[in-house]
Amino acid sequence: MTFSGLLVYKVDYKVDAAEGFSSVGGVPHPLPDASSGAASCGNWWSQASSFVKRSVFMDDYVYSISEDEIRVANISDLATPAAVVSLTP
């Protein structure tokens, strides 16, 4: 795997599908420790579980939620989280 996290794309519905998707960047999430039993990414067509479970956009921020943390990043700098909230004790 070359990237672990949430990939963000801009969709322009006014052009065809071949040109309508452009990469904005990604919110990195570290891979879980293999001994933790957490799900890892696989092929999207194989019904594999992704480590990032949900994402939400609010204003200029994207919230990416995994099994053990929430990361908040500004859309202008996805690679540098503005906040990280741990969900583990």
C-alpha atoms as a PDB file:
ATOM      1  CA  MET A   1       0.000   0.000   0.000  1.00  0.00           C
ATOM      2  CA  THR A   2       1.384   3.411  -0.941  1.00  0.00           C
ATOM      3  CA  PHE A   3      -1.014   5.574   1.113  1.00  0.00           C
ATOM      4  CA  SER A   4      -3.024   4.924   4.247  1.00  0.00           C
ATOM      5  CA  GLY A   5      -5.824   7.389   4.826  1.00  0.00           C
ATOM      6  CA  LEU A   6      -8.663   9.248   3.150  1.00  0.00           C
ATOM      7  CA  LEU A   7      -8.235  10.305  -0.476  1.00  0.00           C
ATOM      8  CA  VAL A   8     -10.160  13.439  -1.481  1.00  0.00           C
ATOM      9  CA  TYR A   9     -11.290  14.193  -5.038  1.00  0.00           C
ATOM     10  CA  LYS A  10     -12.993  17.155  -6.656  1.00  0.00           C
ATOM     11  CA  VAL A  11     -15.890  16.174  -8.914  1.00  0.00           C
ATOM     12  CA  ASP A  12     -16.913  18.390 -11.817  1.00  0.00           C
ATOM     13  CA  TYR A  13     -20.241  17.114 -13.058  1.00  0.00           C
ATOM     14  CA  LYS A  14     -20.197  19.478 -16.054  1.00  0.00           C
ATOM     15  CA  VAL A  15     -17.543  17.439 -17.897  1.00  0.00           C
ATOM     16  CA  ASP A  16     -17.343  13.769 -18.808  1.00  0.00           C
ATOM     17  CA  ALA A  17     -16.258  11.097 -16.321  1.00  0.00           C
ATOM     18  CA  ALA A  18     -12.754  10.819 -17.777  1.00  0.00           C
ATOM     19  CA  GLU A  19     -12.004  14.468 -16.960  1.00  0.00           C
ATOM     20  CA  GLY A  20     -14.468  15.145 -14.147  1.00  0.00           C
ATOM     21  CA  PHE A  21     -12.440  13.705 -11.247  1.00  0.00           C
ATOM     22  CA  SER A  22      -9.306  15.463  -9.968  1.00  0.00           C
ATOM     23  CA  SER A  23      -7.275  14.595  -6.899  1.00  0.00           C
ATOM     24  CA  VAL A  24      -7.219  17.189  -4.114  1.00  0.00           C
ATOM     25  CA  GLY A  25      -4.968  15.174  -1.789  1.00  0.00           C
ATOM     26  CA  GLY A  26      -5.236  12.881   1.175  1.00  0.00           C
ATOM     27  CA  VAL A  27      -5.659  12.899   4.949  1.00  0.00           C
ATOM     28  CA  PRO A  28      -3.048  10.448   6.257  1.00  0.00           C
ATOM     29  CA  HIS A  29      -4.011   7.832   8.846  1.00  0.00           C
ATOM     30  CA  PRO A  30      -1.257   5.613  10.206  1.00  0.00           C
ATOM     31  CA  LEU A  31      -1.688   1.905   9.621  1.00  0.00           C
ATOM     32  CA  PRO A  32      -2.828   0.036  12.729  1.00  0.00           C
ATOM     33  CA  ASP A  33      -0.474  -2.330  14.482  1.00  0.00           C
ATOM     34  CA  ALA A  34      -0.903  -5.752  12.853  1.00  0.00           C
ATOM     35  CA  SER A  35      -1.473  -7.303  16.282  1.00  0.00           C
ATOM     36  CA  SER A  36      -4.456  -5.033  17.007  1.00  0.00           C
ATOM     37  CA  GLY A  37      -6.788  -6.959  14.686  1.00  0.00           C
ATOM     38  CA  ALA A  38      -7.972  -3.742  12.988  1.00  0.00           C
ATOM     39  CA  ALA A  39      -9.157  -3.958   9.399  1.00  0.00           C
ATOM     40  CA  SER A  40      -6.790  -2.952   6.630  1.00  0.00           C
ATOM     41  CA  CYS A  41      -7.361  -1.716   3.115  1.00  0.00           C
ATOM     42  CA  GLY A  42      -7.641  -4.156   0.283  1.00  0.00           C
ATOM     43  CA  ASN A  43      -8.938  -4.005  -3.239  1.00  0.00           C
ATOM     44  CA  TRP A  44     -12.057  -1.848  -3.362  1.00  0.00           C
ATOM     45  CA  TRP A  45     -13.851  -4.446  -5.445  1.00  0.00           C
ATOM     46  CA  SER A  46     -13.175  -7.272  -2.998  1.00  0.00           C
ATOM     47  CA  GLN A  47     -15.481  -5.938  -0.265  1.00  0.00           C
ATOM     48  CA  ALA A  48     -12.474  -5.436   2.006  1.00  0.00           C
ATOM     49  CA  SER A  49     -12.833  -3.152   4.986  1.00  0.00           C
ATOM     50  CA  SER A  50     -11.085   0.214   4.912  1.00  0.00           C
ATOM     51  CA  PHE A  51      -9.273   1.599   7.948  1.00  0.00           C
ATOM     52  CA  VAL A  52     -11.059   4.977   7.441  1.00  0.00           C
ATOM     53  CA  LYS A  53     -14.735   4.289   8.081  1.00  0.00           C
ATOM     54  CA  ARG A  54     -16.426   7.654   7.448  1.00  0.00           C
ATOM     55  CA  SER A  55     -15.695  11.175   6.289  1.00  0.00           C
ATOM     56  CA  VAL A  56     -17.610  14.435   6.584  1.00  0.00           C
ATOM     57  CA  PHE A  57     -17.024  17.851   5.036  1.00  0.00           C
ATOM     58  CA  MET A  58     -17.959  20.944   7.037  1.00  0.00           C
ATOM     59  CA  ASP A  59     -17.083  24.332   5.595  1.00  0.00           C
ATOM     60  CA  ASP A  60     -13.360  24.210   4.710  1.00  0.00           C
ATOM     61  CA  TYR A  61     -12.592  21.110   6.801  1.00  0.00           C
ATOM     62  CA  VAL A  62     -12.760  17.374   6.242  1.00  0.00           C
ATOM     63  CA  TYR A  63     -13.235  15.021   9.200  1.00  0.00           C
ATOM     64  CA  SER A  64     -11.954  11.500   8.601  1.00  0.00           C
ATOM     65  CA  ILE A  65     -12.996   8.870  11.115  1.00  0.00           C
ATOM     66  CA  SER A  66     -11.203   5.571  11.656  1.00  0.00           C
ATOM     67  CA  GLU A  67     -11.662   2.914  14.308  1.00  0.00           C
ATOM     68  CA  ASP A  68      -9.295   4.620  16.749  1.00  0.00           C
ATOM     69  CA  GLU A  69      -9.200   8.339  15.888  1.00  0.00           C
ATOM     70  CA  ILE A  70     -10.753  11.328  14.180  1.00  0.00           C
ATOM     71  CA  ARG A  71      -8.530  13.557  12.060  1.00  0.00           C
ATOM     72  CA  VAL A  72      -9.538  17.072  11.010  1.00  0.00           C
ATOM     73  CA  ALA A  73      -7.776  18.781   8.107  1.00  0.00           C
ATOM     74  CA  ASN A  74      -8.294  22.006   6.195  1.00  0.00           C
ATOM     75  CA  ILE A  75      -9.116  21.335   2.558  1.00  0.00           C
ATOM     76  CA  SER A  76      -6.164  23.557   1.555  1.00  0.00           C
ATOM     77  CA  ASP A  77      -3.663  21.359   3.467  1.00  0.00           C
ATOM     78  CA  LEU A  78      -4.970  17.810   3.782  1.00  0.00           C
ATOM     79  CA  ALA A  79      -1.558  16.300   4.545  1.00  0.00           C
ATOM     80  CA  THR A  80      -1.235  18.253   7.823  1.00  0.00           C
ATOM     81  CA  PRO A  81      -4.098  17.526  10.224  1.00  0.00           C
ATOM     82  CA  ALA A  82      -5.348  20.546  12.186  1.00  0.00           C
ATOM     83  CA  ALA A  83      -6.469  18.207  14.993  1.00  0.00           C
ATOM     84  CA  VAL A  84      -6.306  14.539  15.932  1.00  0.00           C
ATOM     85  CA  VAL A  85      -8.708  13.087  18.506  1.00  0.00           C
ATOM     86  CA  SER A  86      -7.897   9.652  19.875  1.00  0.00           C
ATOM     87  CA  LEU A  87     -10.828   7.292  20.438  1.00  0.00           C
ATOM     88  CA  THR A  88      -8.818   4.763  22.439  1.00  0.00           C
ATOM     89  CA  PRO A  89      -8.381   4.868  26.214  1.00  0.00           C
END
